[in-house]
């Protein structure tokens, strides 16, 4: 595909579980956040291995981060967040946005409409 050209738009009508955008905002200085970063990354690797995490990364500037989560209920997500080392250490707060995709680019097909 040519750079800057989007593929055809697709629609989906059969999503059973919502997807979530999780926005983390750091509550502590970066030095404190960094003390828990390795454990947080290990936690994220478990979410990727379980096929729940689509993508993740820090905000720019580095005031927090974002997770794109799929294939779980809100209750299951809440339980997973309780396991996050950032949450356990009190270094971040979490805003959870729930949505059900109704359209997507074909390159995103593996992440919706399973």
Protein backbone atom coordinates (compact mmCIF):
# COMPACT_ATOMS: atom_id res chain seq x y z
CA UNK A 1 0.00 0.00 0.00
CA UNK A 2 1.22 3.51 -0.76
CA UNK A 3 2.21 5.65 2.19
CA UNK A 4 -0.62 7.89 3.33
CA UNK A 5 -3.32 5.90 1.51
CA UNK A 6 -5.86 4.12 3.64
CA UNK A 7 -7.36 0.85 2.50
CA UNK A 8 -11.09 0.42 2.03
CA UNK A 9 -13.22 1.02 5.09
CA UNK A 10 -14.85 -2.10 6.55
CA UNK A 11 -17.76 -2.38 8.93
CA UNK A 12 -18.38 -4.91 11.66
CA UNK A 13 -21.68 -5.79 13.31
CA UNK A 14 -20.77 -8.76 15.48
CA UNK A 15 -18.49 -7.51 18.25
CA UNK A 16 -19.56 -9.19 21.48
CA UNK A 17 -16.99 -7.69 23.86
CA UNK A 18 -16.06 -4.02 23.83
CA UNK A 19 -12.54 -2.76 23.27
CA UNK A 20 -10.95 -0.40 25.77
CA UNK A 21 -8.60 2.52 25.59
CA UNK A 22 -6.83 2.75 28.94
CA UNK A 23 -5.08 6.06 29.62
CA UNK A 24 -2.56 6.04 32.45
CA UNK A 25 -1.55 9.31 34.08
CA UNK A 26 1.51 9.30 36.29
CA UNK A 27 0.95 10.50 39.85
CA UNK A 28 4.59 10.30 40.95
CA UNK A 29 7.86 11.70 39.55
CA UNK A 30 9.41 9.79 36.65
CA UNK A 31 12.19 8.55 38.92
CA UNK A 32 9.57 6.72 40.99
CA UNK A 33 7.73 5.48 37.88
CA UNK A 34 11.00 4.12 36.49
CA UNK A 35 11.55 2.06 39.65
CA UNK A 36 8.50 0.01 38.60
CA UNK A 37 8.96 0.11 34.82
CA UNK A 38 10.58 -3.31 34.37
CA UNK A 39 7.81 -5.01 36.35
CA UNK A 40 5.18 -3.04 34.41
CA UNK A 41 6.69 -4.16 31.10
CA UNK A 42 6.64 -7.79 32.26
CA UNK A 43 2.97 -7.33 33.13
CA UNK A 44 2.31 -5.95 29.62
CA UNK A 45 4.10 -8.93 28.05
CA UNK A 46 1.63 -11.23 29.85
CA UNK A 47 -1.28 -9.24 28.39
CA UNK A 48 0.23 -9.49 24.90
CA UNK A 49 0.76 -13.25 25.31
CA UNK A 50 -2.90 -13.63 26.33
CA UNK A 51 -3.90 -11.70 23.17
CA UNK A 52 -5.65 -9.01 25.23
CA UNK A 53 -3.32 -6.13 24.40
CA UNK A 54 -3.33 -4.69 20.87
CA UNK A 55 -0.75 -1.98 21.48
CA UNK A 56 0.75 0.10 24.28
CA UNK A 57 3.16 2.94 24.76
CA UNK A 58 4.08 6.08 26.66
CA UNK A 59 2.47 9.43 26.08
CA UNK A 60 4.59 12.15 24.50
CA UNK A 61 5.59 13.99 26.63
CA UNK A 62 6.00 11.15 29.10
CA UNK A 63 3.22 11.93 31.55
CA UNK A 64 1.61 8.48 31.35
CA UNK A 65 0.75 5.86 28.78
CA UNK A 66 -1.97 4.24 26.69
CA UNK A 67 -3.15 0.65 26.33
CA UNK A 68 -5.53 -0.65 23.65
CA UNK A 69 -7.25 -3.72 25.11
CA UNK A 70 -9.55 -6.31 23.50
CA UNK A 71 -11.35 -9.58 24.21
CA UNK A 72 -12.36 -9.11 27.81
CA UNK A 73 -15.16 -7.73 29.94
CA UNK A 74 -14.85 -4.53 31.94
CA UNK A 75 -14.80 -6.60 35.12
CA UNK A 76 -11.87 -8.67 33.81
CA UNK A 77 -10.05 -5.49 32.79
CA UNK A 78 -10.55 -4.00 36.25
CA UNK A 79 -9.07 -7.15 37.78
CA UNK A 80 -6.08 -6.99 35.43
CA UNK A 81 -5.44 -3.35 36.24
CA UNK A 82 -5.37 -4.29 39.93
CA UNK A 83 -2.39 -6.54 39.03
CA UNK A 84 -0.42 -3.80 37.24
CA UNK A 85 2.73 -2.93 39.21
CA UNK A 86 2.08 0.76 38.45
CA UNK A 87 -1.34 0.46 40.08
CA UNK A 88 -0.04 -1.52 43.05
CA UNK A 89 2.69 1.07 43.67
CA UNK A 90 0.25 3.98 43.31
CA UNK A 91 2.31 5.64 40.57
CA UNK A 92 -0.52 5.95 38.01
CA UNK A 93 -4.24 6.51 37.76
CA UNK A 94 -6.30 4.87 35.03
CA UNK A 95 -9.02 6.27 32.82
CA UNK A 96 -10.90 3.56 30.95
CA UNK A 97 -12.78 4.33 27.76
CA UNK A 98 -15.02 1.56 26.43
CA UNK A 99 -16.11 1.34 22.80
CA UNK A 100 -17.43 -1.15 20.25
CA UNK A 101 -15.80 -0.73 16.84
CA UNK A 102 -18.25 -0.32 13.98
CA UNK A 103 -15.66 0.30 11.29
CA UNK A 104 -12.00 -0.42 10.71
CA UNK A 105 -9.20 -0.44 8.16
CA UNK A 106 -8.61 -3.94 6.71
CA UNK A 107 -5.14 -4.03 8.26
CA UNK A 108 -6.87 -3.98 11.65
CA UNK A 109 -9.08 -7.02 10.88
CA UNK A 110 -7.17 -9.36 13.23
CA UNK A 111 -8.15 -7.18 16.17
CA UNK A 112 -11.92 -6.87 15.60
CA UNK A 113 -14.77 -9.15 14.70
CA UNK A 114 -13.24 -12.33 16.01
